[in-house]
């Protein structure tokens, strides 16, 4: 679950930082070595979908009856 939550929180915090510093600092923030991987991670949501599906299967399996053999 942390593989979904942590990148989303990092993206949100980065977005807030960009908003707080205004448009003039956006270029420096976007190009910083720390923020560039975070922004790239935010742009590719495909991994999140895979992780969310795995979490859903795990959570749903707790509530479904065991299969008969």
PDB file of N, CA and C in Angstrom:
ATOM      1  N   UNK A   1       0.816  -1.191   0.000  1.00  0.00           N
ATOM      2  CA  UNK A   1       0.000   0.000   0.000  1.00  0.00           C
ATOM      3  C   UNK A   1       0.860   1.256   0.000  1.00  0.00           C
ATOM      4  N   UNK A   2       2.026   1.151   0.601  1.00  0.00           N
ATOM      5  CA  UNK A   2       2.904   2.315   0.659  1.00  0.00           C
ATOM      6  C   UNK A   2       3.424   2.688  -0.731  1.00  0.00           C
ATOM      7  N   UNK A   3       3.471   1.721  -1.648  1.00  0.00           N
ATOM      8  CA  UNK A   3       3.926   2.002  -3.010  1.00  0.00           C
ATOM      9  C   UNK A   3       2.954   2.907  -3.748  1.00  0.00           C
ATOM     10  N   UNK A   4       1.722   2.964  -3.301  1.00  0.00           N
ATOM     11  CA  UNK A   4       0.735   3.858  -3.896  1.00  0.00           C
ATOM     12  C   UNK A   4       0.696   5.180  -3.131  1.00  0.00           C
ATOM     13  N   UNK A   5       0.700   5.102  -1.812  1.00  0.00           N
ATOM     14  CA  UNK A   5       0.525   6.291  -0.993  1.00  0.00           C
ATOM     15  C   UNK A   5       1.726   7.235  -1.035  1.00  0.00           C
ATOM     16  N   UNK A   6       2.921   6.723  -0.860  1.00  0.00           N
ATOM     17  CA  UNK A   6       4.105   7.586  -0.758  1.00  0.00           C
ATOM     18  C   UNK A   6       4.333   8.446  -1.999  1.00  0.00           C
ATOM     19  N   UNK A   7       4.301   7.890  -3.210  1.00  0.00           N
ATOM     20  CA  UNK A   7       4.493   8.757  -4.378  1.00  0.00           C
ATOM     21  C   UNK A   7       3.394   9.801  -4.542  1.00  0.00           C
ATOM     22  N   UNK A   8       2.158   9.429  -4.196  1.00  0.00           N
ATOM     23  CA  UNK A   8       1.065  10.390  -4.300  1.00  0.00           C
ATOM     24  C   UNK A   8       1.239  11.539  -3.308  1.00  0.00           C
ATOM     25  N   UNK A   9       1.671  11.227  -2.097  1.00  0.00           N
ATOM     26  CA  UNK A   9       1.921  12.270  -1.100  1.00  0.00           C
ATOM     27  C   UNK A   9       3.096  13.142  -1.542  1.00  0.00           C
ATOM     28  N   UNK A  10       4.154  12.535  -2.073  1.00  0.00           N
ATOM     29  CA  UNK A  10       5.303  13.305  -2.545  1.00  0.00           C
ATOM     30  C   UNK A  10       4.899  14.253  -3.673  1.00  0.00           C
ATOM     31  N   UNK A  11       4.057  13.787  -4.579  1.00  0.00           N
ATOM     32  CA  UNK A  11       3.581  14.644  -5.676  1.00  0.00           C
ATOM     33  C   UNK A  11       2.749  15.797  -5.133  1.00  0.00           C
ATOM     34  N   UNK A  12       1.904  15.509  -4.160  1.00  0.00           N
ATOM     35  CA  UNK A  12       1.071  16.565  -3.573  1.00  0.00           C
ATOM     36  C   UNK A  12       1.926  17.622  -2.886  1.00  0.00           C
ATOM     37  N   UNK A  13       2.918  17.196  -2.122  1.00  0.00           N
ATOM     38  CA  UNK A  13       3.801  18.129  -1.433  1.00  0.00           C
ATOM     39  C   UNK A  13       4.596  18.960  -2.445  1.00  0.00           C
ATOM     40  N   UNK A  14       5.067  18.326  -3.495  1.00  0.00           N
ATOM     41  CA  UNK A  14       5.803  19.044  -4.537  1.00  0.00           C
ATOM     42  C   UNK A  14       4.902  20.064  -5.220  1.00  0.00           C
ATOM     43  N   UNK A  15       3.661  19.699  -5.493  1.00  0.00           N
ATOM     44  CA  UNK A  15       2.717  20.641  -6.097  1.00  0.00           C
ATOM     45  C   UNK A  15       2.470  21.835  -5.180  1.00  0.00           C
ATOM     46  N   UNK A  16       2.338  21.571  -3.883  1.00  0.00           N
ATOM     47  CA  UNK A  16       2.146  22.674  -2.929  1.00  0.00           C
ATOM     48  C   UNK A  16       3.368  23.587  -2.904  1.00  0.00           C
ATOM     49  N   UNK A  17       4.567  22.988  -2.984  1.00  0.00           N
ATOM     50  CA  UNK A  17       5.795  23.800  -2.984  1.00  0.00           C
ATOM     51  C   UNK A  17       5.862  24.690  -4.220  1.00  0.00           C
ATOM     52  N   UNK A  18       5.487  24.139  -5.359  1.00  0.00           N
ATOM     53  CA  UNK A  18       5.487  24.927  -6.586  1.00  0.00           C
ATOM     54  C   UNK A  18       4.487  26.070  -6.475  1.00  0.00           C
ATOM     55  N   UNK A  19       3.313  25.797  -5.926  1.00  0.00           N
ATOM     56  CA  UNK A  19       2.304  26.839  -5.762  1.00  0.00           C
ATOM     57  C   UNK A  19       2.761  27.905  -4.771  1.00  0.00           C
ATOM     58  N   UNK A  20       3.412  27.479  -3.696  1.00  0.00           N
ATOM     59  CA  UNK A  20       3.860  28.424  -2.672  1.00  0.00           C
ATOM     60  C   UNK A  20       4.957  29.352  -3.190  1.00  0.00           C
ATOM     61  N   UNK A  21       5.821  28.841  -4.073  1.00  0.00           N
ATOM     62  CA  UNK A  21       6.929  29.643  -4.573  1.00  0.00           C
ATOM     63  C   UNK A  21       6.585  30.403  -5.840  1.00  0.00           C
ATOM     64  N   UNK A  22       5.446  30.162  -6.394  1.00  0.00           N
ATOM     65  CA  UNK A  22       5.011  30.903  -7.563  1.00  0.00           C
ATOM     66  C   UNK A  22       5.664  30.439  -8.844  1.00  0.00           C
ATOM     67  N   UNK A  23       5.290  31.082  -9.942  1.00  0.00           N
ATOM     68  CA  UNK A  23       5.754  30.675 -11.261  1.00  0.00           C
ATOM     69  C   UNK A  23       7.236  30.885 -11.497  1.00  0.00           C
ATOM     70  N   UNK A  24       7.856  31.851 -10.835  1.00  0.00           N
ATOM     71  CA  UNK A  24       9.269  32.130 -11.068  1.00  0.00           C
ATOM     72  C   UNK A  24      10.180  31.004 -10.636  1.00  0.00           C
ATOM     73  N   UNK A  25       9.811  30.292  -9.596  1.00  0.00           N
ATOM     74  CA  UNK A  25      10.663  29.220  -9.083  1.00  0.00           C
ATOM     75  C   UNK A  25      10.344  27.873  -9.719  1.00  0.00           C
ATOM     76  N   UNK A  26       9.289  27.794 -10.502  1.00  0.00           N
ATOM     77  CA  UNK A  26       8.867  26.503 -11.052  1.00  0.00           C
ATOM     78  C   UNK A  26       9.954  25.853 -11.892  1.00  0.00           C
ATOM     79  N   UNK A  27      10.654  26.628 -12.690  1.00  0.00           N
ATOM     80  CA  UNK A  27      11.694  26.041 -13.541  1.00  0.00           C
ATOM     81  C   UNK A  27      12.811  25.440 -12.719  1.00  0.00           C
ATOM     82  N   UNK A  28      13.212  26.131 -11.667  1.00  0.00           N
ATOM     83  CA  UNK A  28      14.280  25.591 -10.815  1.00  0.00           C
ATOM     84  C   UNK A  28      13.810  24.356 -10.064  1.00  0.00           C
ATOM     85  N   UNK A  29      12.585  24.372  -9.574  1.00  0.00           N
ATOM     86  CA  UNK A  29      12.060  23.226  -8.824  1.00  0.00           C
ATOM     87  C   UNK A  29      11.903  22.027  -9.746  1.00  0.00           C
ATOM     88  N   UNK A  30      11.353  22.256 -10.939  1.00  0.00           N
ATOM     89  CA  UNK A  30      11.162  21.153 -11.880  1.00  0.00           C
ATOM     90  C   UNK A  30      12.484  20.508 -12.273  1.00  0.00           C
ATOM     91  N   UNK A  31      13.544  21.282 -12.396  1.00  0.00           N
ATOM     92  CA  UNK A  31      14.820  20.756 -12.874  1.00  0.00           C
ATOM     93  C   UNK A  31      15.740  20.285 -11.762  1.00  0.00           C
ATOM     94  N   UNK A  32      15.335  20.430 -10.517  1.00  0.00           N
ATOM     95  CA  UNK A  32      16.221  20.008  -9.434  1.00  0.00           C
ATOM     96  C   UNK A  32      16.361  18.483  -9.443  1.00  0.00           C
ATOM     97  N   UNK A  33      17.537  17.981  -9.075  1.00  0.00           N
ATOM     98  CA  UNK A  33      17.758  16.517  -9.102  1.00  0.00           C
ATOM     99  C   UNK A  33      16.841  15.745  -8.159  1.00  0.00           C
ATOM    100  N   UNK A  34      16.341  16.411  -7.131  1.00  0.00           N
ATOM    101  CA  UNK A  34      15.447  15.738  -6.190  1.00  0.00           C
ATOM    102  C   UNK A  34      14.033  15.632  -6.742  1.00  0.00           C
ATOM    103  N   UNK A  35      13.561  16.660  -7.384  1.00  0.00           N
ATOM    104  CA  UNK A  35      12.163  16.726  -7.805  1.00  0.00           C
ATOM    105  C   UNK A  35      11.890  16.075  -9.147  1.00  0.00           C
ATOM    106  N   UNK A  36      12.874  15.994  -9.996  1.00  0.00           N
ATOM    107  CA  UNK A  36      12.648  15.447 -11.334  1.00  0.00           C
ATOM    108  C   UNK A  36      12.119  14.004 -11.288  1.00  0.00           C
ATOM    109  N   UNK A  37      12.699  13.100 -10.492  1.00  0.00           N
ATOM    110  CA  UNK A  37      12.142  11.735 -10.439  1.00  0.00           C
ATOM    111  C   UNK A  37      10.726  11.693  -9.868  1.00  0.00           C
ATOM    112  N   UNK A  38      10.436  12.602  -8.934  1.00  0.00           N
ATOM    113  CA  UNK A  38       9.090  12.634  -8.355  1.00  0.00           C
ATOM    114  C   UNK A  38       8.082  13.047  -9.416  1.00  0.00           C
ATOM    115  N   UNK A  39       8.412  14.079 -10.192  1.00  0.00           N
ATOM    116  CA  UNK A  39       7.501  14.530 -11.239  1.00  0.00           C
ATOM    117  C   UNK A  39       7.340  13.454 -12.314  1.00  0.00           C
ATOM    118  N   UNK A  40       8.413  12.749 -12.634  1.00  0.00           N
ATOM    119  CA  UNK A  40       8.319  11.666 -13.622  1.00  0.00           C
ATOM    120  C   UNK A  40       7.426  10.551 -13.101  1.00  0.00           C
ATOM    121  N   UNK A  41       7.516  10.262 -11.816  1.00  0.00           N
ATOM    122  CA  UNK A  41       6.684   9.222 -11.201  1.00  0.00           C
ATOM    123  C   UNK A  41       5.217   9.622 -11.223  1.00  0.00           C
ATOM    124  N   UNK A  42       4.942  10.909 -11.042  1.00  0.00           N
ATOM    125  CA  UNK A  42       3.555  11.388 -11.059  1.00  0.00           C
ATOM    126  C   UNK A  42       2.961  11.301 -12.460  1.00  0.00           C
ATOM    127  N   UNK A  43       3.807  11.405 -13.465  1.00  0.00           N
ATOM    128  CA  UNK A  43       3.325  11.411 -14.841  1.00  0.00           C
ATOM    129  C   UNK A  43       2.993  10.010 -15.350  1.00  0.00           C
ATOM    130  N   UNK A  44       3.443   8.966 -14.660  1.00  0.00           N
ATOM    131  CA  UNK A  44       3.189   7.604 -15.135  1.00  0.00           C
ATOM    132  C   UNK A  44       2.350   6.834 -14.113  1.00  0.00           C
ATOM    133  N   UNK A  45       1.040   6.943 -14.205  1.00  0.00           N
ATOM    134  CA  UNK A  45       0.174   6.296 -13.213  1.00  0.00           C
ATOM    135  C   UNK A  45      -0.058   4.808 -13.449  1.00  0.00           C
ATOM    136  N   UNK A  46       0.586   4.206 -14.441  1.00  0.00           N
ATOM    137  CA  UNK A  46       0.309   2.799 -14.741  1.00  0.00           C
ATOM    138  C   UNK A  46       0.713   1.870 -13.606  1.00  0.00           C
ATOM    139  N   UNK A  47       1.821   2.151 -12.955  1.00  0.00           N
ATOM    140  CA  UNK A  47       2.247   1.310 -11.834  1.00  0.00           C
ATOM    141  C   UNK A  47       1.249   1.401 -10.683  1.00  0.00           C
ATOM    142  N   UNK A  48       0.692   2.584 -10.458  1.00  0.00           N
ATOM    143  CA  UNK A  48      -0.308   2.740  -9.405  1.00  0.00           C
ATOM    144  C   UNK A  48      -1.512   1.842  -9.644  1.00  0.00           C
ATOM    145  N   UNK A  49      -1.931   1.715 -10.880  1.00  0.00           N
ATOM    146  CA  UNK A  49      -3.090   0.881 -11.187  1.00  0.00           C
ATOM    147  C   UNK A  49      -2.812  -0.580 -10.853  1.00  0.00           C
ATOM    148  N   UNK A  50      -1.627  -1.044 -11.166  1.00  0.00           N
ATOM    149  CA  UNK A  50      -1.258  -2.426 -10.856  1.00  0.00           C
ATOM    150  C   UNK A  50      -1.254  -2.641  -9.345  1.00  0.00           C
ATOM    151  N   UNK A  51      -0.672  -1.709  -8.606  1.00  0.00           N
ATOM    152  CA  UNK A  51      -0.620  -1.828  -7.153  1.00  0.00           C
ATOM    153  C   UNK A  51      -2.016  -1.744  -6.544  1.00  0.00           C
ATOM    154  N   UNK A  52      -2.846  -0.848  -7.063  1.00  0.00           N
ATOM    155  CA  UNK A  52      -4.216  -0.741  -6.545  1.00  0.00           C
ATOM    156  C   UNK A  52      -5.011  -2.015  -6.799  1.00  0.00           C
ATOM    157  N   UNK A  53      -4.821  -2.623  -7.944  1.00  0.00           N
ATOM    158  CA  UNK A  53      -5.499  -3.895  -8.220  1.00  0.00           C
ATOM    159  C   UNK A  53      -5.050  -4.983  -7.255  1.00  0.00           C
ATOM    160  N   UNK A  54      -3.754  -5.033  -6.963  1.00  0.00           N
ATOM    161  CA  UNK A  54      -3.237  -6.025  -6.017  1.00  0.00           C
ATOM    162  C   UNK A  54      -3.807  -5.788  -4.620  1.00  0.00           C
ATOM    163  N   UNK A  55      -3.883  -4.524  -4.212  1.00  0.00           N
ATOM    164  CA  UNK A  55      -4.450  -4.192  -2.904  1.00  0.00           C
ATOM    165  C   UNK A  55      -5.922  -4.593  -2.857  1.00  0.00           C
ATOM    166  N   UNK A  56      -6.660  -4.309  -3.925  1.00  0.00           N
ATOM    167  CA  UNK A  56      -8.081  -4.652  -3.971  1.00  0.00           C
ATOM    168  C   UNK A  56      -8.289  -6.158  -3.862  1.00  0.00           C
ATOM    169  N   UNK A  57      -7.487  -6.937  -4.586  1.00  0.00           N
ATOM    170  CA  UNK A  57      -7.601  -8.394  -4.501  1.00  0.00           C
ATOM    171  C   UNK A  57      -7.308  -8.891  -3.091  1.00  0.00           C
ATOM    172  N   UNK A  58      -6.288  -8.318  -2.472  1.00  0.00           N
ATOM    173  CA  UNK A  58      -5.925  -8.705  -1.111  1.00  0.00           C
ATOM    174  C   UNK A  58      -7.051  -8.394  -0.135  1.00  0.00           C
ATOM    175  N   UNK A  59      -7.600  -7.194  -0.236  1.00  0.00           N
ATOM    176  CA  UNK A  59      -8.669  -6.789   0.685  1.00  0.00           C
ATOM    177  C   UNK A  59      -9.958  -7.564   0.434  1.00  0.00           C
ATOM    178  N   UNK A  60     -10.299  -7.778  -0.835  1.00  0.00           N
ATOM    179  CA  UNK A  60     -11.524  -8.522  -1.136  1.00  0.00           C
ATOM    180  C   UNK A  60     -11.422  -9.982  -0.734  1.00  0.00           C
ATOM    181  N   UNK A  61     -10.225 -10.563  -0.816  1.00  0.00           N
ATOM    182  CA  UNK A  61     -10.068 -11.964  -0.450  1.00  0.00           C
ATOM    183  C   UNK A  61     -10.346 -12.204   1.040  1.00  0.00           C
ATOM    184  N   UNK A  62     -10.213 -11.164   1.845  1.00  0.00           N
ATOM    185  CA  UNK A  62     -10.521 -11.287   3.270  1.00  0.00           C
ATOM    186  C   UNK A  62     -12.012 -11.466   3.529  1.00  0.00           C
ATOM    187  N   UNK A  63     -12.842 -11.014   2.600  1.00  0.00           N
ATOM    188  CA  UNK A  63     -14.293 -11.009   2.804  1.00  0.00           C
ATOM    189  C   UNK A  63     -15.020 -12.060   1.987  1.00  0.00           C
ATOM    190  N   UNK A  64     -14.312 -12.745   1.119  1.00  0.00           N
ATOM    191  CA  UNK A  64     -14.939 -13.774   0.274  1.00  0.00           C
ATOM    192  C   UNK A  64     -14.749 -15.150   0.915  1.00  0.00           C
ATOM    193  N   UNK A  65     -15.715 -16.034   0.752  1.00  0.00           N
ATOM    194  CA  UNK A  65     -15.551 -17.382   1.315  1.00  0.00           C
ATOM    195  C   UNK A  65     -14.433 -18.136   0.588  1.00  0.00           C
ATOM    196  N   UNK A  66     -13.842 -19.055   1.293  1.00  0.00           N
ATOM    197  CA  UNK A  66     -12.763 -19.860   0.700  1.00  0.00           C
ATOM    198  C   UNK A  66     -13.329 -20.745  -0.411  1.00  0.00           C
ATOM    199  N   UNK A  67     -12.608 -20.936  -1.494  1.00  0.00           N
ATOM    200  CA  UNK A  67     -13.109 -21.787  -2.598  1.00  0.00           C
ATOM    201  C   UNK A  67     -13.196 -23.248  -2.155  1.00  0.00           C
ATOM    202  N   UNK A  68     -14.227 -23.949  -2.669  1.00  0.00           N
ATOM    203  CA  UNK A  68     -14.390 -25.380  -2.348  1.00  0.00           C
ATOM    204  C   UNK A  68     -13.454 -26.200  -3.216  1.00  0.00           C
ATOM    205  N   UNK A  69     -13.019 -27.319  -2.665  1.00  0.00           N
ATOM    206  CA  UNK A  69     -12.132 -28.226  -3.423  1.00  0.00           C
ATOM    207  C   UNK A  69     -12.792 -29.535  -3.622  1.00  0.00           C
TER     208      UNK A  69
END
